[in-house]
Structure formats: structure tokens, C-alpha cells
PDB file of N, CA and C in Angstrom:
ATOM      1  N   MET A   1    -129.657 102.342 -22.414  1.00  0.00           N
ATOM      2  CA  MET A   1    -130.188 103.716 -22.875  1.00  0.00           C
ATOM      3  C   MET A   1    -131.567 103.926 -22.922  1.00  0.00           C
ATOM      4  N   ILE A   2    -132.211 105.030 -22.203  1.00  0.00           N
ATOM      5  CA  ILE A   2    -133.213 105.720 -22.136  1.00  0.00           C
ATOM      6  C   ILE A   2    -133.773 105.823 -23.120  1.00  0.00           C
ATOM      7  N   ARG A   3    -134.608 105.657 -23.833  1.00  0.00           N
ATOM      8  CA  ARG A   3    -135.626 106.046 -24.993  1.00  0.00           C
ATOM      9  C   ARG A   3    -136.870 107.063 -24.894  1.00  0.00           C
ATOM     10  N   ASP A   4    -136.361 107.775 -23.841  1.00  0.00           N
ATOM     11  CA  ASP A   4    -137.313 109.169 -23.968  1.00  0.00           C
ATOM     12  C   ASP A   4    -137.244 109.952 -25.392  1.00  0.00           C
ATOM     13  N   GLY A   5    -136.256 110.189 -26.222  1.00  0.00           N
ATOM     14  CA  GLY A   5    -136.168 111.057 -27.156  1.00  0.00           C
ATOM     15  C   GLY A   5    -135.246 112.528 -26.188  1.00  0.00           C
ATOM     16  N   VAL A   6    -135.026 112.519 -25.739  1.00  0.00           N
ATOM     17  CA  VAL A   6    -134.213 113.568 -24.150  1.00  0.00           C
ATOM     18  C   VAL A   6    -132.493 113.442 -24.927  1.00  0.00           C
ATOM     19  N   PHE A   7    -132.345 114.773 -25.706  1.00  0.00           N
ATOM     20  CA  PHE A   7    -130.761 114.658 -26.009  1.00  0.00           C
ATOM     21  C   PHE A   7    -129.837 114.840 -25.010  1.00  0.00           C
ATOM     22  N   ARG A   8    -128.997 113.890 -24.707  1.00  0.00           N
ATOM     23  CA  ARG A   8    -128.187 113.735 -23.982  1.00  0.00           C
ATOM     24  C   ARG A   8    -126.434 113.927 -24.687  1.00  0.00           C
ATOM     25  N   LYS A   9    -125.619 114.242 -23.526  1.00  0.00           N
ATOM     26  CA  LYS A   9    -124.226 114.467 -23.954  1.00  0.00           C
ATOM     27  C   LYS A   9    -123.444 113.691 -22.785  1.00  0.00           C
ATOM     28  N   ALA A  10    -121.877 112.990 -23.099  1.00  0.00           N
ATOM     29  CA  ALA A  10    -121.384 112.094 -22.349  1.00  0.00           C
ATOM     30  C   ALA A  10    -121.280 113.492 -20.821  1.00  0.00           C
ATOM     31  N   ASP A  11    -120.495 113.120 -19.736  1.00  0.00           N
ATOM     32  CA  ASP A  11    -120.564 114.016 -18.515  1.00  0.00           C
ATOM     33  C   ASP A  11    -118.931 114.877 -19.190  1.00  0.00           C
ATOM     34  N   ASP A  12    -118.232 114.102 -19.484  1.00  0.00           N
ATOM     35  CA  ASP A  12    -116.711 114.472 -19.312  1.00  0.00           C
ATOM     36  C   ASP A  12    -116.792 114.725 -20.898  1.00  0.00           C
ATOM     37  N   SER A  13    -117.293 115.263 -21.187  1.00  0.00           N
ATOM     38  CA  SER A  13    -117.236 115.905 -22.470  1.00  0.00           C
ATOM     39  C   SER A  13    -116.899 117.221 -22.613  1.00  0.00           C
ATOM     40  N   ASP A  14    -116.219 117.354 -23.568  1.00  0.00           N
ATOM     41  CA  ASP A  14    -115.715 119.173 -23.582  1.00  0.00           C
ATOM     42  C   ASP A  14    -116.990 120.197 -23.760  1.00  0.00           C
ATOM     43  N   THR A  15    -116.803 121.725 -24.314  1.00  0.00           N
ATOM     44  CA  THR A  15    -118.115 122.388 -24.881  1.00  0.00           C
ATOM     45  C   THR A  15    -117.793 122.703 -25.857  1.00  0.00           C
ATOM     46  N   VAL A  16    -117.153 122.288 -26.151  1.00  0.00           N
ATOM     47  CA  VAL A  16    -116.719 122.886 -28.129  1.00  0.00           C
ATOM     48  C   VAL A  16    -116.843 121.256 -28.774  1.00  0.00           C
ATOM     49  N   ASN A  17    -116.376 119.730 -28.762  1.00  0.00           N
ATOM     50  CA  ASN A  17    -116.300 119.509 -29.869  1.00  0.00           C
ATOM     51  C   ASN A  17    -117.311 118.419 -28.950  1.00  0.00           C
ATOM     52  N   CYS A  18    -118.020 118.262 -29.440  1.00  0.00           N
ATOM     53  CA  CYS A  18    -119.554 117.231 -28.608  1.00  0.00           C
ATOM     54  C   CYS A  18    -120.759 117.331 -29.342  1.00  0.00           C
ATOM     55  N   VAL A  19    -121.444 115.722 -29.273  1.00  0.00           N
ATOM     56  CA  VAL A  19    -122.781 115.730 -29.970  1.00  0.00           C
ATOM     57  C   VAL A  19    -123.262 115.692 -29.100  1.00  0.00           C
ATOM     58  N   GLU A  20    -124.465 115.544 -29.097  1.00  0.00           N
ATOM     59  CA  GLU A  20    -125.993 114.686 -27.958  1.00  0.00           C
ATOM     60  C   GLU A  20    -126.411 113.550 -29.180  1.00  0.00           C
ATOM     61  N   VAL A  21    -126.847 113.051 -27.671  1.00  0.00           N
ATOM     62  CA  VAL A  21    -128.175 111.349 -28.597  1.00  0.00           C
ATOM     63  C   VAL A  21    -128.944 111.440 -27.970  1.00  0.00           C
ATOM     64  N   ALA A  22    -129.628 111.535 -28.930  1.00  0.00           N
ATOM     65  CA  ALA A  22    -131.229 110.858 -27.870  1.00  0.00           C
ATOM     66  C   ALA A  22    -131.926 109.698 -28.670  1.00  0.00           C
ATOM     67  N   ALA A  23    -132.107 108.526 -27.620  1.00  0.00           N
ATOM     68  CA  ALA A  23    -132.721 107.268 -28.101  1.00  0.00           C
ATOM     69  C   ALA A  23    -134.190 107.527 -27.946  1.00  0.00           C
ATOM     70  N   MET A  24    -134.986 107.165 -29.128  1.00  0.00           N
ATOM     71  CA  MET A  24    -135.800 107.436 -29.556  1.00  0.00           C
ATOM     72  C   MET A  24    -136.878 106.318 -29.202  1.00  0.00           C
ATOM     73  N   PRO A  25    -138.304 106.801 -28.558  1.00  0.00           N
ATOM     74  CA  PRO A  25    -139.120 105.797 -27.799  1.00  0.00           C
ATOM     75  C   PRO A  25    -139.746 104.893 -29.130  1.00  0.00           C
ATOM     76  N   GLU A  26    -139.400 105.125 -30.414  1.00  0.00           N
ATOM     77  CA  GLU A  26    -139.842 104.013 -31.398  1.00  0.00           C
ATOM     78  C   GLU A  26    -139.145 103.507 -31.831  1.00  0.00           C
ATOM     79  N   GLY A  27    -137.476 103.779 -31.743  1.00  0.00           N
ATOM     80  CA  GLY A  27    -136.321 103.152 -31.974  1.00  0.00           C
ATOM     81  C   GLY A  27    -135.765 104.100 -32.622  1.00  0.00           C
ATOM     82  N   GLY A  28    -134.484 103.381 -32.709  1.00  0.00           N
ATOM     83  CA  GLY A  28    -133.490 104.621 -33.497  1.00  0.00           C
ATOM     84  C   GLY A  28    -133.123 105.465 -32.511  1.00  0.00           C
ATOM     85  N   VAL A  29    -132.258 106.460 -33.207  1.00  0.00           N
ATOM     86  CA  VAL A  29    -131.017 106.882 -32.184  1.00  0.00           C
ATOM     87  C   VAL A  29    -131.032 108.559 -32.923  1.00  0.00           C
ATOM     88  N   ARG A  30    -131.079 109.626 -32.817  1.00  0.00           N
ATOM     89  CA  ARG A  30    -130.704 110.840 -33.484  1.00  0.00           C
ATOM     90  C   ARG A  30    -129.535 111.717 -33.110  1.00  0.00           C
ATOM     91  N   VAL A  31    -128.817 111.910 -33.663  1.00  0.00           N
ATOM     92  CA  VAL A  31    -127.581 112.516 -32.755  1.00  0.00           C
ATOM     93  C   VAL A  31    -127.400 114.251 -33.785  1.00  0.00           C
ATOM     94  N   ARG A  32    -127.033 115.012 -32.737  1.00  0.00           N
ATOM     95  CA  ARG A  32    -126.926 116.461 -33.002  1.00  0.00           C
ATOM     96  C   ARG A  32    -125.593 117.326 -32.356  1.00  0.00           C
ATOM     97  N   ASP A  33    -125.320 117.863 -33.413  1.00  0.00           N
ATOM     98  CA  ASP A  33    -124.140 119.038 -32.553  1.00  0.00           C
ATOM     99  C   ASP A  33    -124.485 120.065 -31.573  1.00  0.00           C
ATOM    100  N   SER A  34    -123.261 119.694 -30.400  1.00  0.00           N
ATOM    101  CA  SER A  34    -124.175 120.441 -29.250  1.00  0.00           C
ATOM    102  C   SER A  34    -124.004 122.013 -29.338  1.00  0.00           C
ATOM    103  N   LYS A  35    -123.355 122.035 -30.095  1.00  0.00           N
ATOM    104  CA  LYS A  35    -123.477 123.629 -30.635  1.00  0.00           C
ATOM    105  C   LYS A  35    -124.126 124.390 -31.853  1.00  0.00           C
ATOM    106  N   ASP A  36    -124.814 123.626 -32.283  1.00  0.00           N
ATOM    107  CA  ASP A  36    -125.846 124.248 -33.415  1.00  0.00           C
ATOM    108  C   ASP A  36    -127.079 122.781 -33.166  1.00  0.00           C
ATOM    109  N   ARG A  37    -127.878 123.544 -32.301  1.00  0.00           N
ATOM    110  CA  ARG A  37    -128.893 122.320 -31.993  1.00  0.00           C
ATOM    111  C   ARG A  37    -129.971 122.690 -32.966  1.00  0.00           C
ATOM    112  N   ASN A  38    -129.289 123.412 -33.617  1.00  0.00           N
ATOM    113  CA  ASN A  38    -130.901 123.342 -34.343  1.00  0.00           C
ATOM    114  C   ASN A  38    -130.977 123.431 -35.800  1.00  0.00           C
ATOM    115  N   GLY A  39    -129.523 123.360 -36.183  1.00  0.00           N
ATOM    116  CA  GLY A  39    -129.421 122.694 -37.299  1.00  0.00           C
ATOM    117  C   GLY A  39    -128.853 121.104 -37.851  1.00  0.00           C
ATOM    118  N   GLY A  40    -130.009 120.521 -37.201  1.00  0.00           N
ATOM    119  CA  GLY A  40    -130.350 119.016 -37.879  1.00  0.00           C
ATOM    120  C   GLY A  40    -129.630 118.426 -37.110  1.00  0.00           C
ATOM    121  N   THR A  41    -130.672 117.164 -37.320  1.00  0.00           N
ATOM    122  CA  THR A  41    -130.307 115.615 -36.528  1.00  0.00           C
ATOM    123  C   THR A  41    -129.914 114.692 -37.886  1.00  0.00           C
ATOM    124  N   LEU A  42    -129.131 113.870 -37.505  1.00  0.00           N
ATOM    125  CA  LEU A  42    -128.936 112.920 -38.370  1.00  0.00           C
ATOM    126  C   LEU A  42    -129.327 111.515 -37.564  1.00  0.00           C
ATOM    127  N   GLY A  43    -129.959 110.411 -38.307  1.00  0.00           N
ATOM    128  CA  GLY A  43    -130.483 109.253 -37.827  1.00  0.00           C
ATOM    129  C   GLY A  43    -130.137 108.187 -38.040  1.00  0.00           C
ATOM    130  N   TYR A  44    -130.259 107.248 -37.196  1.00  0.00           N
ATOM    131  CA  TYR A  44    -129.893 105.777 -37.292  1.00  0.00           C
ATOM    132  C   TYR A  44    -131.073 104.678 -36.359  1.00  0.00           C
ATOM    133  N   THR A  45    -130.291 104.072 -37.346  1.00  0.00           N
ATOM    134  CA  THR A  45    -131.346 102.597 -36.744  1.00  0.00           C
ATOM    135  C   THR A  45    -130.509 102.017 -35.302  1.00  0.00           C
ATOM    136  N   ASP A  46    -131.359 101.266 -34.675  1.00  0.00           N
ATOM    137  CA  ASP A  46    -130.181 100.454 -33.556  1.00  0.00           C
ATOM    138  C   ASP A  46    -129.479  99.681 -33.934  1.00  0.00           C
ATOM    139  N   THR A  47    -129.661  99.309 -34.892  1.00  0.00           N
ATOM    140  CA  THR A  47    -128.310  98.745 -35.484  1.00  0.00           C
ATOM    141  C   THR A  47    -127.037  98.637 -36.146  1.00  0.00           C
ATOM    142  N   GLU A  48    -127.488 100.113 -36.161  1.00  0.00           N
ATOM    143  CA  GLU A  48    -126.429 101.068 -37.061  1.00  0.00           C
ATOM    144  C   GLU A  48    -125.625 101.268 -36.125  1.00  0.00           C
ATOM    145  N   TRP A  49    -126.491 102.316 -34.982  1.00  0.00           N
ATOM    146  CA  TRP A  49    -125.485 102.595 -34.019  1.00  0.00           C
ATOM    147  C   TRP A  49    -124.582 101.498 -33.176  1.00  0.00           C
ATOM    148  N   SER A  50    -125.655 100.678 -33.107  1.00  0.00           N
ATOM    149  CA  SER A  50    -124.749  99.511 -32.149  1.00  0.00           C
ATOM    150  C   SER A  50    -123.445  99.133 -32.525  1.00  0.00           C
ATOM    151  N   VAL A  51    -123.154  98.869 -34.320  1.00  0.00           N
ATOM    152  CA  VAL A  51    -122.152  99.036 -35.064  1.00  0.00           C
ATOM    153  C   VAL A  51    -121.446 100.081 -35.005  1.00  0.00           C
ATOM    154  N   PHE A  52    -121.899 101.381 -34.372  1.00  0.00           N
ATOM    155  CA  PHE A  52    -120.665 102.192 -34.726  1.00  0.00           C
ATOM    156  C   PHE A  52    -120.107 102.543 -33.217  1.00  0.00           C
ATOM    157  N   VAL A  53    -121.190 102.322 -32.508  1.00  0.00           N
ATOM    158  CA  VAL A  53    -120.281 102.208 -30.822  1.00  0.00           C
ATOM    159  C   VAL A  53    -119.239 100.874 -31.103  1.00  0.00           C
ATOM    160  N   ALA A  54    -119.674  99.847 -31.312  1.00  0.00           N
ATOM    161  CA  ALA A  54    -118.645  98.425 -31.041  1.00  0.00           C
ATOM    162  C   ALA A  54    -117.450  98.918 -31.912  1.00  0.00           C
ATOM    163  N   ALA A  55    -117.109 100.200 -33.052  1.00  0.00           N
ATOM    164  CA  ALA A  55    -115.888 100.170 -33.342  1.00  0.00           C
ATOM    165  C   ALA A  55    -115.371 101.046 -33.131  1.00  0.00           C
ATOM    166  N   ALA A  56    -116.485 102.288 -32.790  1.00  0.00           N
ATOM    167  CA  ALA A  56    -115.721 103.419 -31.259  1.00  0.00           C
ATOM    168  C   ALA A  56    -115.162 102.814 -30.495  1.00  0.00           C
ATOM    169  N   LYS A  57    -115.350 102.160 -29.647  1.00  0.00           N
ATOM    170  CA  LYS A  57    -114.778 100.645 -28.359  1.00  0.00           C
ATOM    171  C   LYS A  57    -113.634 100.303 -29.145  1.00  0.00           C
ATOM    172  N   LEU A  58    -113.145  99.657 -30.167  1.00  0.00           N
ATOM    173  CA  LEU A  58    -112.403  99.030 -30.586  1.00  0.00           C
ATOM    174  C   LEU A  58    -110.796 100.060 -31.739  1.00  0.00           C
ATOM    175  N   GLY A  59    -111.258 101.630 -31.824  1.00  0.00           N
ATOM    176  CA  GLY A  59    -110.139 102.285 -31.924  1.00  0.00           C
ATOM    177  C   GLY A  59    -110.358 102.849 -33.378  1.00  0.00           C
ATOM    178  N   GLU A  60    -111.365 102.201 -33.707  1.00  0.00           N
ATOM    179  CA  GLU A  60    -111.937 102.212 -35.441  1.00  0.00           C
ATOM    180  C   GLU A  60    -111.516 103.492 -35.955  1.00  0.00           C
ATOM    181  N   PHE A  61    -111.779 104.274 -35.093  1.00  0.00           N
ATOM    182  CA  PHE A  61    -111.687 106.066 -35.768  1.00  0.00           C
ATOM    183  C   PHE A  61    -111.028 107.078 -34.710  1.00  0.00           C
ATOM    184  N   ASP A  62    -109.975 106.233 -34.212  1.00  0.00           N
ATOM    185  CA  ASP A  62    -108.533 106.613 -33.277  1.00  0.00           C
ATOM    186  C   ASP A  62    -107.689 107.604 -34.413  1.00  0.00           C
ATOM    187  N   LEU A  63    -107.726 108.706 -33.990  1.00  0.00           N
ATOM    188  CA  LEU A  63    -106.563 109.244 -35.504  1.00  0.00           C
ATOM    189  C   LEU A  63    -105.111 108.975 -34.908  1.00  0.00           C
ATOM    190  N   PRO A  64    -104.633 108.270 -36.144  1.00  0.00           N
ATOM    191  CA  PRO A  64    -103.090 108.215 -36.050  1.00  0.00           C
ATOM    192  C   PRO A  64    -102.265 109.285 -35.499  1.00  0.00           C
ATOM    193  N   GLU A  65    -101.725 108.780 -34.631  1.00  0.00           N
ATOM    194  CA  GLU A  65    -100.440 109.360 -33.647  1.00  0.00           C
ATOM    195  C   GLU A  65     -98.891 109.670 -34.084  1.00  0.00           C
TER     196      GLU A  65
END
């Protein structure tokens, strides 16, 4: 992850339901809604973000079918 504080979103994200993520130079990650860029951000430590990403990859947040 590039730690330059620039918000990015996945290339394959749609234009309606996505978030943008910025890895901060001093550490940590910021997340914001791509539809409301001025609506504020959520901040996470590097550890919190790593745990979240690992859980998402395991399908922990998938909706039931």
C-alpha cells in the first residue's frame, strides 16, 4: 500500500457503492464514501485495517445467499 495519503478505490468498483482508502504517511488508514467525499472519514490503525482485510478475504462480511 502506498503511504502517501491519497485516496484510492478499486479499479473494479462500481460508481454507486464504493469507498476510497488512503494509507497515511504517519501510519494508519482513512476510509471515506466516494459519493460524499466531504462527509468525513473513518480512521483505523494499521492493525485494525489488517484484521478487517483478512476477515473480508475469508468472507466474514458476505451476505447470506
